[in-house]
């Protein structure tokens, strides 16, 4: 069995712009009206399929950073 490639994505931005919601929406298909602010760094693992002629599954590791000033 061939191991799937893993890609790291780092989400950065100002406080309250929706960084945590991007990762929740993408990985869990959930949108939160209010989400507790991230302290430090959080990360999620999720699988997705590429949009190619020969689609393949890849592993994403999404790092969600705090929007500290």
PDB file of N, CA and C in Angstrom:
ATOM      1  N   UNK A   1       0.847  -1.183   0.000  1.00  0.00           N
ATOM      2  CA  UNK A   1       0.000   0.000   0.000  1.00  0.00           C
ATOM      3  C   UNK A   1       0.889   1.241   0.000  1.00  0.00           C
ATOM      4  N   UNK A   2       0.610   2.136  -0.897  1.00  0.00           N
ATOM      5  CA  UNK A   2       1.395   3.348  -1.049  1.00  0.00           C
ATOM      6  C   UNK A   2       0.952   4.394  -0.025  1.00  0.00           C
ATOM      7  N   UNK A   3       1.932   5.008   0.631  1.00  0.00           N
ATOM      8  CA  UNK A   3       1.608   6.029   1.630  1.00  0.00           C
ATOM      9  C   UNK A   3       1.208   7.326   0.936  1.00  0.00           C
ATOM     10  N   UNK A   4       0.138   7.940   1.424  1.00  0.00           N
ATOM     11  CA  UNK A   4      -0.336   9.184   0.814  1.00  0.00           C
ATOM     12  C   UNK A   4       0.554  10.353   1.228  1.00  0.00           C
ATOM     13  N   UNK A   5       0.705  11.339   0.349  1.00  0.00           N
ATOM     14  CA  UNK A   5       1.519  12.506   0.702  1.00  0.00           C
ATOM     15  C   UNK A   5       0.838  13.343   1.783  1.00  0.00           C
ATOM     16  N   UNK A   6       1.629  13.983   2.613  1.00  0.00           N
ATOM     17  CA  UNK A   6       1.098  14.860   3.666  1.00  0.00           C
ATOM     18  C   UNK A   6       1.549  16.285   3.382  1.00  0.00           C
ATOM     19  N   UNK A   7       0.650  17.227   3.546  1.00  0.00           N
ATOM     20  CA  UNK A   7       0.936  18.636   3.307  1.00  0.00           C
ATOM     21  C   UNK A   7       0.562  19.435   4.542  1.00  0.00           C
ATOM     22  N   UNK A   8       1.403  20.386   4.908  1.00  0.00           N
ATOM     23  CA  UNK A   8       1.123  21.267   6.042  1.00  0.00           C
ATOM     24  C   UNK A   8       0.664  22.616   5.514  1.00  0.00           C
ATOM     25  N   UNK A   9      -0.415  23.123   6.116  1.00  0.00           N
ATOM     26  CA  UNK A   9      -0.955  24.436   5.774  1.00  0.00           C
ATOM     27  C   UNK A   9      -0.992  25.247   7.057  1.00  0.00           C
ATOM     28  N   UNK A  10      -0.450  26.454   7.024  1.00  0.00           N
ATOM     29  CA  UNK A  10      -0.466  27.336   8.189  1.00  0.00           C
ATOM     30  C   UNK A  10      -1.411  28.492   7.892  1.00  0.00           C
ATOM     31  N   UNK A  11      -2.400  28.686   8.776  1.00  0.00           N
ATOM     32  CA  UNK A  11      -3.386  29.753   8.612  1.00  0.00           C
ATOM     33  C   UNK A  11      -3.012  30.885   9.560  1.00  0.00           C
ATOM     34  N   UNK A  12      -2.715  32.059   9.001  1.00  0.00           N
ATOM     35  CA  UNK A  12      -2.345  33.216   9.816  1.00  0.00           C
ATOM     36  C   UNK A  12      -3.234  34.397   9.463  1.00  0.00           C
ATOM     37  N   UNK A  13      -3.390  35.318  10.415  1.00  0.00           N
ATOM     38  CA  UNK A  13      -4.196  36.507  10.180  1.00  0.00           C
ATOM     39  C   UNK A  13      -4.498  37.213  11.483  1.00  0.00           C
ATOM     40  N   UNK A  14      -5.204  38.319  11.372  1.00  0.00           N
ATOM     41  CA  UNK A  14      -5.560  39.133  12.531  1.00  0.00           C
ATOM     42  C   UNK A  14      -6.572  38.416  13.427  1.00  0.00           C
ATOM     43  N   UNK A  15      -6.741  38.950  14.623  1.00  0.00           N
ATOM     44  CA  UNK A  15      -7.709  38.427  15.590  1.00  0.00           C
ATOM     45  C   UNK A  15      -9.124  38.528  15.016  1.00  0.00           C
ATOM     46  N   UNK A  16      -9.901  37.460  15.142  1.00  0.00           N
ATOM     47  CA  UNK A  16     -11.319  37.492  14.805  1.00  0.00           C
ATOM     48  C   UNK A  16     -11.673  37.472  13.332  1.00  0.00           C
ATOM     49  N   UNK A  17     -10.745  37.106  12.450  1.00  0.00           N
ATOM     50  CA  UNK A  17     -11.068  37.116  11.022  1.00  0.00           C
ATOM     51  C   UNK A  17     -11.612  35.781  10.511  1.00  0.00           C
ATOM     52  N   UNK A  18     -11.558  34.715  11.330  1.00  0.00           N
ATOM     53  CA  UNK A  18     -12.144  33.437  10.938  1.00  0.00           C
ATOM     54  C   UNK A  18     -11.158  32.335  10.595  1.00  0.00           C
ATOM     55  N   UNK A  19      -9.946  32.436  11.102  1.00  0.00           N
ATOM     56  CA  UNK A  19      -8.933  31.406  10.822  1.00  0.00           C
ATOM     57  C   UNK A  19      -9.375  30.034  11.315  1.00  0.00           C
ATOM     58  N   UNK A  20      -9.883  29.954  12.530  1.00  0.00           N
ATOM     59  CA  UNK A  20     -10.326  28.670  13.094  1.00  0.00           C
ATOM     60  C   UNK A  20     -11.529  28.128  12.339  1.00  0.00           C
ATOM     61  N   UNK A  21     -12.409  29.011  11.894  1.00  0.00           N
ATOM     62  CA  UNK A  21     -13.580  28.577  11.137  1.00  0.00           C
ATOM     63  C   UNK A  21     -13.197  28.019   9.773  1.00  0.00           C
ATOM     64  N   UNK A  22     -12.138  28.524   9.178  1.00  0.00           N
ATOM     65  CA  UNK A  22     -11.681  27.986   7.892  1.00  0.00           C
ATOM     66  C   UNK A  22     -11.286  26.524   8.052  1.00  0.00           C
ATOM     67  N   UNK A  23     -10.489  26.230   9.077  1.00  0.00           N
ATOM     68  CA  UNK A  23     -10.059  24.839   9.266  1.00  0.00           C
ATOM     69  C   UNK A  23     -11.223  23.945   9.687  1.00  0.00           C
ATOM     70  N   UNK A  24     -12.133  24.440  10.531  1.00  0.00           N
ATOM     71  CA  UNK A  24     -13.303  23.648  10.939  1.00  0.00           C
ATOM     72  C   UNK A  24     -14.219  23.376   9.754  1.00  0.00           C
ATOM     73  N   UNK A  25     -14.418  24.370   8.932  1.00  0.00           N
ATOM     74  CA  UNK A  25     -15.288  24.219   7.761  1.00  0.00           C
ATOM     75  C   UNK A  25     -14.683  23.229   6.765  1.00  0.00           C
ATOM     76  N   UNK A  26     -13.384  23.343   6.539  1.00  0.00           N
ATOM     77  CA  UNK A  26     -12.720  22.486   5.561  1.00  0.00           C
ATOM     78  C   UNK A  26     -12.610  21.043   6.044  1.00  0.00           C
ATOM     79  N   UNK A  27     -12.190  20.844   7.285  1.00  0.00           N
ATOM     80  CA  UNK A  27     -11.959  19.481   7.799  1.00  0.00           C
ATOM     81  C   UNK A  27     -13.216  18.806   8.335  1.00  0.00           C
ATOM     82  N   UNK A  28     -14.075  19.549   8.996  1.00  0.00           N
ATOM     83  CA  UNK A  28     -15.225  18.961   9.684  1.00  0.00           C
ATOM     84  C   UNK A  28     -16.569  19.320   9.063  1.00  0.00           C
ATOM     85  N   UNK A  29     -16.571  20.181   8.038  1.00  0.00           N
ATOM     86  CA  UNK A  29     -17.811  20.678   7.411  1.00  0.00           C
ATOM     87  C   UNK A  29     -18.726  21.345   8.429  1.00  0.00           C
ATOM     88  N   UNK A  30     -18.128  22.055   9.388  1.00  0.00           N
ATOM     89  CA  UNK A  30     -18.879  22.750  10.435  1.00  0.00           C
ATOM     90  C   UNK A  30     -18.533  24.233  10.388  1.00  0.00           C
ATOM     91  N   UNK A  31     -19.558  25.078  10.522  1.00  0.00           N
ATOM     92  CA  UNK A  31     -19.338  26.518  10.655  1.00  0.00           C
ATOM     93  C   UNK A  31     -19.888  26.944  12.007  1.00  0.00           C
ATOM     94  N   UNK A  32     -19.086  27.630  12.784  1.00  0.00           N
ATOM     95  CA  UNK A  32     -19.501  28.095  14.100  1.00  0.00           C
ATOM     96  C   UNK A  32     -19.819  29.584  14.051  1.00  0.00           C
ATOM     97  N   UNK A  33     -20.959  29.968  14.618  1.00  0.00           N
ATOM     98  CA  UNK A  33     -21.291  31.389  14.734  1.00  0.00           C
ATOM     99  C   UNK A  33     -20.305  32.085  15.657  1.00  0.00           C
ATOM    100  N   UNK A  34     -19.961  31.410  16.748  1.00  0.00           N
ATOM    101  CA  UNK A  34     -18.967  31.947  17.678  1.00  0.00           C
ATOM    102  C   UNK A  34     -18.005  30.818  18.013  1.00  0.00           C
ATOM    103  N   UNK A  35     -16.749  31.122  17.996  1.00  0.00           N
ATOM    104  CA  UNK A  35     -15.736  30.119  18.314  1.00  0.00           C
ATOM    105  C   UNK A  35     -14.776  30.714  19.335  1.00  0.00           C
ATOM    106  N   UNK A  36     -14.351  29.914  20.283  1.00  0.00           N
ATOM    107  CA  UNK A  36     -13.420  30.376  21.313  1.00  0.00           C
ATOM    108  C   UNK A  36     -12.088  30.706  20.639  1.00  0.00           C
ATOM    109  N   UNK A  37     -11.516  31.864  20.942  1.00  0.00           N
ATOM    110  CA  UNK A  37     -10.244  32.242  20.309  1.00  0.00           C
ATOM    111  C   UNK A  37      -9.145  31.204  20.569  1.00  0.00           C
ATOM    112  N   UNK A  38      -8.321  30.998  19.564  1.00  0.00           N
ATOM    113  CA  UNK A  38      -7.195  30.067  19.673  1.00  0.00           C
ATOM    114  C   UNK A  38      -6.107  30.684  20.532  1.00  0.00           C
ATOM    115  N   UNK A  39      -5.585  29.891  21.449  1.00  0.00           N
ATOM    116  CA  UNK A  39      -4.456  30.333  22.269  1.00  0.00           C
ATOM    117  C   UNK A  39      -3.251  29.527  21.802  1.00  0.00           C
ATOM    118  N   UNK A  40      -2.237  30.210  21.320  1.00  0.00           N
ATOM    119  CA  UNK A  40      -1.060  29.522  20.787  1.00  0.00           C
ATOM    120  C   UNK A  40      -1.344  28.988  19.400  1.00  0.00           C
ATOM    121  N   UNK A  41      -1.255  27.659  19.251  1.00  0.00           N
ATOM    122  CA  UNK A  41      -1.459  27.014  17.950  1.00  0.00           C
ATOM    123  C   UNK A  41      -2.328  25.780  18.141  1.00  0.00           C
ATOM    124  N   UNK A  42      -3.219  25.536  17.191  1.00  0.00           N
ATOM    125  CA  UNK A  42      -4.042  24.332  17.172  1.00  0.00           C
ATOM    126  C   UNK A  42      -3.843  23.694  15.802  1.00  0.00           C
ATOM    127  N   UNK A  43      -4.048  22.392  15.705  1.00  0.00           N
ATOM    128  CA  UNK A  43      -3.965  21.792  14.377  1.00  0.00           C
ATOM    129  C   UNK A  43      -4.958  20.667  14.215  1.00  0.00           C
ATOM    130  N   UNK A  44      -5.318  20.448  12.951  1.00  0.00           N
ATOM    131  CA  UNK A  44      -6.259  19.402  12.580  1.00  0.00           C
ATOM    132  C   UNK A  44      -5.645  18.580  11.458  1.00  0.00           C
ATOM    133  N   UNK A  45      -5.994  17.296  11.437  1.00  0.00           N
ATOM    134  CA  UNK A  45      -5.644  16.427  10.327  1.00  0.00           C
ATOM    135  C   UNK A  45      -6.917  16.162   9.543  1.00  0.00           C
ATOM    136  N   UNK A  46      -6.835  16.208   8.242  1.00  0.00           N
ATOM    137  CA  UNK A  46      -7.988  15.814   7.442  1.00  0.00           C
ATOM    138  C   UNK A  46      -7.517  15.283   6.092  1.00  0.00           C
ATOM    139  N   UNK A  47      -8.342  14.452   5.504  1.00  0.00           N
ATOM    140  CA  UNK A  47      -8.061  13.886   4.188  1.00  0.00           C
ATOM    141  C   UNK A  47      -8.920  14.605   3.160  1.00  0.00           C
ATOM    142  N   UNK A  48      -8.385  14.800   1.989  1.00  0.00           N
ATOM    143  CA  UNK A  48      -9.141  15.391   0.904  1.00  0.00           C
ATOM    144  C   UNK A  48      -8.699  14.734  -0.398  1.00  0.00           C
ATOM    145  N   UNK A  49      -9.483  14.921  -1.425  1.00  0.00           N
ATOM    146  CA  UNK A  49      -9.168  14.359  -2.732  1.00  0.00           C
ATOM    147  C   UNK A  49      -8.760  15.480  -3.667  1.00  0.00           C
ATOM    148  N   UNK A  50      -7.707  15.259  -4.432  1.00  0.00           N
ATOM    149  CA  UNK A  50      -7.230  16.282  -5.359  1.00  0.00           C
ATOM    150  C   UNK A  50      -8.182  16.419  -6.539  1.00  0.00           C
ATOM    151  N   UNK A  51      -8.139  17.563  -7.172  1.00  0.00           N
ATOM    152  CA  UNK A  51      -8.989  17.826  -8.334  1.00  0.00           C
ATOM    153  C   UNK A  51      -8.155  17.653  -9.605  1.00  0.00           C
ATOM    154  N   UNK A  52      -7.796  16.446  -9.872  1.00  0.00           N
ATOM    155  CA  UNK A  52      -6.992  16.111 -11.043  1.00  0.00           C
ATOM    156  C   UNK A  52      -7.716  15.055 -11.864  1.00  0.00           C
ATOM    157  N   UNK A  53      -7.182  14.798 -13.045  1.00  0.00           N
ATOM    158  CA  UNK A  53      -7.744  13.737 -13.880  1.00  0.00           C
ATOM    159  C   UNK A  53      -7.714  12.405 -13.132  1.00  0.00           C
ATOM    160  N   UNK A  54      -6.593  12.115 -12.493  1.00  0.00           N
ATOM    161  CA  UNK A  54      -6.460  10.898 -11.689  1.00  0.00           C
ATOM    162  C   UNK A  54      -6.449  11.311 -10.222  1.00  0.00           C
ATOM    163  N   UNK A  55      -7.626  11.542  -9.691  1.00  0.00           N
ATOM    164  CA  UNK A  55      -7.753  12.037  -8.317  1.00  0.00           C
ATOM    165  C   UNK A  55      -7.061  11.101  -7.334  1.00  0.00           C
ATOM    166  N   UNK A  56      -6.448  11.693  -6.326  1.00  0.00           N
ATOM    167  CA  UNK A  56      -5.792  10.915  -5.277  1.00  0.00           C
ATOM    168  C   UNK A  56      -6.093  11.563  -3.938  1.00  0.00           C
ATOM    169  N   UNK A  57      -6.008  10.778  -2.893  1.00  0.00           N
ATOM    170  CA  UNK A  57      -6.252  11.281  -1.548  1.00  0.00           C
ATOM    171  C   UNK A  57      -4.947  11.798  -0.968  1.00  0.00           C
ATOM    172  N   UNK A  58      -5.030  12.960  -0.322  1.00  0.00           N
ATOM    173  CA  UNK A  58      -3.863  13.517   0.360  1.00  0.00           C
ATOM    174  C   UNK A  58      -4.238  13.827   1.805  1.00  0.00           C
ATOM    175  N   UNK A  59      -3.250  13.852   2.655  1.00  0.00           N
ATOM    176  CA  UNK A  59      -3.439  14.182   4.061  1.00  0.00           C
ATOM    177  C   UNK A  59      -3.010  15.624   4.274  1.00  0.00           C
ATOM    178  N   UNK A  60      -3.891  16.410   4.883  1.00  0.00           N
ATOM    179  CA  UNK A  60      -3.566  17.795   5.211  1.00  0.00           C
ATOM    180  C   UNK A  60      -3.403  17.923   6.713  1.00  0.00           C
ATOM    181  N   UNK A  61      -2.413  18.662   7.119  1.00  0.00           N
ATOM    182  CA  UNK A  61      -2.228  19.020   8.523  1.00  0.00           C
ATOM    183  C   UNK A  61      -2.367  20.539   8.554  1.00  0.00           C
ATOM    184  N   UNK A  62      -3.493  21.021   9.081  1.00  0.00           N
ATOM    185  CA  UNK A  62      -3.781  22.452   9.077  1.00  0.00           C
ATOM    186  C   UNK A  62      -3.454  23.034  10.441  1.00  0.00           C
ATOM    187  N   UNK A  63      -2.505  23.959  10.464  1.00  0.00           N
ATOM    188  CA  UNK A  63      -2.072  24.640  11.682  1.00  0.00           C
ATOM    189  C   UNK A  63      -2.814  25.964  11.765  1.00  0.00           C
ATOM    190  N   UNK A  64      -3.557  26.142  12.842  1.00  0.00           N
ATOM    191  CA  UNK A  64      -4.355  27.346  13.090  1.00  0.00           C
ATOM    192  C   UNK A  64      -3.635  28.162  14.158  1.00  0.00           C
ATOM    193  N   UNK A  65      -3.199  29.358  13.812  1.00  0.00           N
ATOM    194  CA  UNK A  65      -2.436  30.189  14.742  1.00  0.00           C
ATOM    195  C   UNK A  65      -3.333  31.197  15.443  1.00  0.00           C
ATOM    196  N   UNK A  66      -2.899  31.645  16.615  1.00  0.00           N
ATOM    197  CA  UNK A  66      -3.607  32.707  17.332  1.00  0.00           C
ATOM    198  C   UNK A  66      -3.354  34.020  16.606  1.00  0.00           C
ATOM    199  N   UNK A  67      -4.336  34.881  16.583  1.00  0.00           N
ATOM    200  CA  UNK A  67      -4.185  36.172  15.923  1.00  0.00           C
ATOM    201  C   UNK A  67      -3.693  37.232  16.884  1.00  0.00           C
ATOM    202  N   UNK A  68      -2.594  36.957  17.559  1.00  0.00           N
ATOM    203  CA  UNK A  68      -2.035  37.909  18.527  1.00  0.00           C
ATOM    204  C   UNK A  68      -1.663  39.219  17.859  1.00  0.00           C
ATOM    205  N   UNK A  69      -1.713  40.255  18.662  1.00  0.00           N
ATOM    206  CA  UNK A  69      -1.373  41.587  18.153  1.00  0.00           C
ATOM    207  C   UNK A  69       0.111  41.749  18.031  1.00  0.00           C
TER     208      UNK A  69
END
